[in-house]
Amino acid sequence: MSATSQIRTMATANHASLPLRKCVACGARKIKEELLRVVKSASGEIVFDKESKLPGRGAYVCKNIVCVNKAAKSRGLQRSVKSAHTRSDDIYKRLALELDG
């Protein structure tokens, strides 16, 4: 059993509330720490939120390249943060770099 599964099991057993979020690409519900967060900034640009502390409307995607590519193809992040910003495609490159290292 993975550490994440153990945490979920413990949380369910203890009726504790863990912050779950939904991936915009695959729709899986996961613990916040298992996902990458992006935020719509005040200027309307979508930026990567590494520390998950930036203010603004956020969206989450799984920490794998398959979900990042799926979100890029469906423009899921733009839809989730309600942004039609034309430079939003840069966020997918930024997320891919984050996953690489």
C-alpha atoms as a PDB file:
ATOM      1  CA  MET A   1       0.000   0.000   0.000  1.00  0.00           C
ATOM      2  CA  SER A   2       1.438   3.368  -0.968  1.00  0.00           C
ATOM      3  CA  ALA A   3       1.891   6.179   1.519  1.00  0.00           C
ATOM      4  CA  THR A   4      -0.903   8.136  -0.133  1.00  0.00           C
ATOM      5  CA  SER A   5      -3.296   5.203   0.111  1.00  0.00           C
ATOM      6  CA  GLN A   6      -2.407   4.841   3.765  1.00  0.00           C
ATOM      7  CA  ILE A   7      -3.105   8.529   4.384  1.00  0.00           C
ATOM      8  CA  ARG A   8      -6.486   8.269   2.657  1.00  0.00           C
ATOM      9  CA  THR A   9      -7.338   5.133   4.618  1.00  0.00           C
ATOM     10  CA  MET A  10      -6.340   6.764   7.894  1.00  0.00           C
ATOM     11  CA  ALA A  11      -8.300   9.895   7.038  1.00  0.00           C
ATOM     12  CA  THR A  12     -11.392   7.886   6.204  1.00  0.00           C
ATOM     13  CA  ALA A  13     -11.031   5.815   9.352  1.00  0.00           C
ATOM     14  CA  ASN A  14     -10.566   8.897  11.517  1.00  0.00           C
ATOM     15  CA  HIS A  15     -13.180  10.904   9.641  1.00  0.00           C
ATOM     16  CA  ALA A  16     -10.519  13.580   9.215  1.00  0.00           C
ATOM     17  CA  SER A  17     -10.942  16.034   6.422  1.00  0.00           C
ATOM     18  CA  LEU A  18      -8.105  16.096   3.911  1.00  0.00           C
ATOM     19  CA  PRO A  19      -8.247  18.708   1.164  1.00  0.00           C
ATOM     20  CA  LEU A  20      -9.153  16.800  -2.003  1.00  0.00           C
ATOM     21  CA  ARG A  21      -9.020  18.449  -5.413  1.00  0.00           C
ATOM     22  CA  LYS A  22      -9.987  17.274  -8.889  1.00  0.00           C
ATOM     23  CA  CYS A  23      -7.574  17.023 -11.831  1.00  0.00           C
ATOM     24  CA  VAL A  24      -8.868  19.059 -14.795  1.00  0.00           C
ATOM     25  CA  ALA A  25      -7.519  16.454 -17.227  1.00  0.00           C
ATOM     26  CA  CYS A  26      -8.521  13.025 -15.893  1.00  0.00           C
ATOM     27  CA  GLY A  27     -11.081  14.005 -13.249  1.00  0.00           C
ATOM     28  CA  ALA A  28      -9.384  12.007 -10.484  1.00  0.00           C
ATOM     29  CA  ARG A  29      -9.877  13.290  -6.944  1.00  0.00           C
ATOM     30  CA  LYS A  30      -6.580  13.420  -5.094  1.00  0.00           C
ATOM     31  CA  ILE A  31      -4.997  14.979  -2.042  1.00  0.00           C
ATOM     32  CA  LYS A  32      -3.839  18.541  -2.790  1.00  0.00           C
ATOM     33  CA  GLU A  33      -0.168  17.621  -2.372  1.00  0.00           C
ATOM     34  CA  GLU A  34      -0.445  15.064  -5.212  1.00  0.00           C
ATOM     35  CA  LEU A  35      -1.437  17.714  -7.748  1.00  0.00           C
ATOM     36  CA  LEU A  36       0.157  20.701  -9.461  1.00  0.00           C
ATOM     37  CA  ARG A  37      -1.685  23.999  -8.947  1.00  0.00           C
ATOM     38  CA  VAL A  38      -1.977  26.878 -11.367  1.00  0.00           C
ATOM     39  CA  VAL A  39      -3.577  30.236 -10.630  1.00  0.00           C
ATOM     40  CA  LYS A  40      -5.058  33.020 -12.697  1.00  0.00           C
ATOM     41  CA  SER A  41      -3.109  36.137 -11.738  1.00  0.00           C
ATOM     42  CA  ALA A  42      -4.581  39.604 -11.425  1.00  0.00           C
ATOM     43  CA  SER A  43      -3.345  40.375 -14.953  1.00  0.00           C
ATOM     44  CA  GLY A  44      -5.280  37.380 -16.289  1.00  0.00           C
ATOM     45  CA  GLU A  45      -2.206  35.258 -16.949  1.00  0.00           C
ATOM     46  CA  ILE A  46      -2.086  31.633 -15.794  1.00  0.00           C
ATOM     47  CA  VAL A  47       0.949  30.980 -13.550  1.00  0.00           C
ATOM     48  CA  PHE A  48       2.329  27.893 -11.804  1.00  0.00           C
ATOM     49  CA  ASP A  49       1.843  28.004  -8.023  1.00  0.00           C
ATOM     50  CA  LYS A  50       4.613  25.814  -6.631  1.00  0.00           C
ATOM     51  CA  GLU A  51       3.867  26.557  -2.971  1.00  0.00           C
ATOM     52  CA  SER A  52       0.053  26.559  -3.386  1.00  0.00           C
ATOM     53  CA  LYS A  53      -0.157  29.929  -1.654  1.00  0.00           C
ATOM     54  CA  LEU A  54      -0.870  32.434  -4.413  1.00  0.00           C
ATOM     55  CA  PRO A  55      -4.231  34.179  -4.275  1.00  0.00           C
ATOM     56  CA  GLY A  56      -6.690  33.802  -7.091  1.00  0.00           C
ATOM     57  CA  ARG A  57      -8.735  31.208  -8.875  1.00  0.00           C
ATOM     58  CA  GLY A  58      -6.824  27.935  -8.987  1.00  0.00           C
ATOM     59  CA  ALA A  59      -6.944  24.713 -10.967  1.00  0.00           C
ATOM     60  CA  TYR A  60      -5.196  21.410 -10.431  1.00  0.00           C
ATOM     61  CA  VAL A  61      -3.603  18.780 -12.676  1.00  0.00           C
ATOM     62  CA  CYS A  62      -1.982  15.446 -11.762  1.00  0.00           C
ATOM     63  CA  LYS A  63       1.795  15.277 -11.434  1.00  0.00           C
ATOM     64  CA  ASN A  64       2.258  13.281 -14.629  1.00  0.00           C
ATOM     65  CA  ILE A  65       2.977  14.259 -18.207  1.00  0.00           C
ATOM     66  CA  VAL A  66      -0.052  12.365 -19.543  1.00  0.00           C
ATOM     67  CA  CYS A  67      -2.466  14.580 -17.616  1.00  0.00           C
ATOM     68  CA  VAL A  68      -0.524  17.755 -18.455  1.00  0.00           C
ATOM     69  CA  ASN A  69      -0.704  16.884 -22.178  1.00  0.00           C
ATOM     70  CA  LYS A  70      -4.387  16.000 -21.909  1.00  0.00           C
ATOM     71  CA  ALA A  71      -5.111  19.309 -20.165  1.00  0.00           C
ATOM     72  CA  ALA A  72      -3.192  21.151 -22.893  1.00  0.00           C
ATOM     73  CA  LYS A  73      -5.144  19.436 -25.651  1.00  0.00           C
ATOM     74  CA  SER A  74      -8.522  20.134 -24.040  1.00  0.00           C
ATOM     75  CA  ARG A  75      -7.444  23.563 -22.710  1.00  0.00           C
ATOM     76  CA  GLY A  76      -8.705  22.374 -19.322  1.00  0.00           C
ATOM     77  CA  LEU A  77      -6.658  24.807 -17.247  1.00  0.00           C
ATOM     78  CA  GLN A  78      -7.889  27.831 -19.187  1.00  0.00           C
ATOM     79  CA  ARG A  79     -11.467  26.640 -18.845  1.00  0.00           C
ATOM     80  CA  SER A  80     -11.114  25.975 -15.111  1.00  0.00           C
ATOM     81  CA  VAL A  81      -9.648  29.371 -14.290  1.00  0.00           C
ATOM     82  CA  LYS A  82     -11.960  31.064 -16.790  1.00  0.00           C
ATOM     83  CA  SER A  83      -9.180  32.579 -18.861  1.00  0.00           C
ATOM     84  CA  ALA A  84      -8.916  33.076 -22.594  1.00  0.00           C
ATOM     85  CA  HIS A  85      -5.441  34.597 -22.266  1.00  0.00           C
ATOM     86  CA  THR A  86      -3.497  33.913 -25.454  1.00  0.00           C
ATOM     87  CA  ARG A  87      -0.162  33.302 -23.700  1.00  0.00           C
ATOM     88  CA  SER A  88      -1.661  30.588 -21.518  1.00  0.00           C
ATOM     89  CA  ASP A  89       0.034  27.864 -23.588  1.00  0.00           C
ATOM     90  CA  ASP A  90       3.303  28.686 -21.829  1.00  0.00           C
ATOM     91  CA  ILE A  91       1.919  27.182 -18.621  1.00  0.00           C
ATOM     92  CA  TYR A  92       1.934  23.677 -20.101  1.00  0.00           C
ATOM     93  CA  LYS A  93       5.617  24.019 -20.962  1.00  0.00           C
ATOM     94  CA  ARG A  94       6.294  25.238 -17.416  1.00  0.00           C
ATOM     95  CA  LEU A  95       4.439  22.271 -15.907  1.00  0.00           C
ATOM     96  CA  ALA A  96       6.311  19.817 -18.140  1.00  0.00           C
ATOM     97  CA  LEU A  97       9.625  21.353 -16.989  1.00  0.00           C
ATOM     98  CA  GLU A  98       8.521  21.047 -13.368  1.00  0.00           C
ATOM     99  CA  LEU A  99       7.799  17.348 -13.875  1.00  0.00           C
ATOM    100  CA  ASP A 100      11.178  16.756 -15.535  1.00  0.00           C
ATOM    101  CA  GLY A 101      13.129  17.994 -12.639  1.00  0.00           C
END
